[in-house]
Amino acid sequence: MLELTIEIPKELEIGVKELKKEELNRIVCEALKERLSEELMFKIADDLLKESRLTDDFASKLGNELKKRVAKRYGL
């Protein structure tokens, strides 16, 4: 298993000192897994969208049209 050293900001030191090593390890592992998962999803999305011809302007227009249709359908 890879070992990682982290720096704890001053404002978190008190809370960290109150936790056992195992608890702190679990918390850091969960946070790291979540963040890595998010980063990987964004990387995959960026790779998929590199070849897209859909512009921000056109996507915005499609979104606005969808909002209008939903509002009309539900009487909003």
Protein backbone atom coordinates (compact mmCIF):
# COMPACT_ATOMS: atom_id res chain seq x y z
CA MET A 1 0.00 0.00 0.00
CA LEU A 2 1.22 3.50 -0.84
CA GLU A 3 1.96 5.75 2.12
CA LEU A 4 1.06 9.42 1.86
CA THR A 5 2.15 12.32 4.03
CA ILE A 6 -0.20 15.30 4.32
CA GLU A 7 0.03 18.72 5.91
CA ILE A 8 -2.84 19.58 8.25
CA PRO A 9 -3.90 23.26 8.31
CA LYS A 10 -3.71 24.98 11.71
CA GLU A 11 -7.51 25.33 11.96
CA LEU A 12 -7.91 21.53 11.74
CA GLU A 13 -5.16 20.52 14.17
CA ILE A 14 -7.41 20.35 17.25
CA GLY A 15 -9.92 18.05 15.54
CA VAL A 16 -7.18 15.85 14.15
CA LYS A 17 -5.53 15.45 17.54
CA GLU A 18 -8.84 14.22 18.99
CA LEU A 19 -9.13 11.37 16.49
CA LYS A 20 -7.40 8.04 16.63
CA LYS A 21 -5.00 7.21 13.82
CA GLU A 22 -7.40 4.63 12.36
CA GLU A 23 -10.31 7.10 12.31
CA LEU A 24 -8.21 9.78 10.67
CA ASN A 25 -6.90 7.30 8.10
CA ARG A 26 -10.47 6.24 7.24
CA ILE A 27 -11.61 9.87 6.85
CA VAL A 28 -8.68 10.81 4.64
CA CYS A 29 -9.08 7.67 2.50
CA GLU A 30 -12.78 8.34 1.94
CA ALA A 31 -12.15 11.98 1.02
CA LEU A 32 -9.34 11.01 -1.33
CA LYS A 33 -11.45 8.34 -3.05
CA GLU A 34 -14.28 10.81 -3.58
CA ARG A 35 -12.02 13.53 -4.93
CA LEU A 36 -10.11 11.16 -7.22
CA SER A 37 -13.39 9.81 -8.55
CA GLU A 38 -14.58 13.34 -9.35
CA GLU A 39 -11.31 14.24 -11.06
CA LEU A 40 -11.39 11.05 -13.13
CA MET A 41 -14.99 11.70 -14.23
CA PHE A 42 -14.10 15.24 -15.33
CA LYS A 43 -11.07 13.95 -17.22
CA ILE A 44 -13.19 11.35 -19.02
CA ALA A 45 -15.86 13.96 -19.82
CA ASP A 46 -13.23 16.35 -21.18
CA ASP A 47 -11.78 13.59 -23.36
CA LEU A 48 -15.23 12.72 -24.71
CA LEU A 49 -16.12 16.36 -25.40
CA LYS A 50 -12.88 17.23 -27.20
CA GLU A 51 -14.37 16.15 -30.51
CA SER A 52 -17.81 17.65 -29.83
CA ARG A 53 -19.19 20.21 -32.26
CA LEU A 54 -21.76 21.40 -29.70
CA THR A 55 -20.94 24.98 -28.73
CA ASP A 56 -21.73 26.58 -25.38
CA ASP A 57 -24.13 28.95 -27.12
CA PHE A 58 -26.04 26.15 -28.83
CA ALA A 59 -26.15 24.09 -25.62
CA SER A 60 -27.57 27.11 -23.81
CA LYS A 61 -30.24 27.55 -26.49
CA LEU A 62 -31.19 23.88 -26.21
CA GLY A 63 -31.43 24.20 -22.44
CA ASN A 64 -33.66 27.27 -22.69
CA GLU A 65 -35.92 25.52 -25.21
CA LEU A 66 -36.22 22.52 -22.91
CA LYS A 67 -37.13 24.76 -19.95
CA LYS A 68 -39.87 26.44 -22.01
CA ARG A 69 -41.33 23.09 -23.10
CA VAL A 70 -41.32 21.69 -19.56
CA ALA A 71 -42.91 24.88 -18.20
CA LYS A 72 -45.59 24.77 -20.89
CA ARG A 73 -46.30 21.08 -20.29
CA TYR A 74 -46.73 21.53 -16.54
CA GLY A 75 -48.45 24.91 -16.75
CA LEU A 76 -45.68 26.86 -15.07
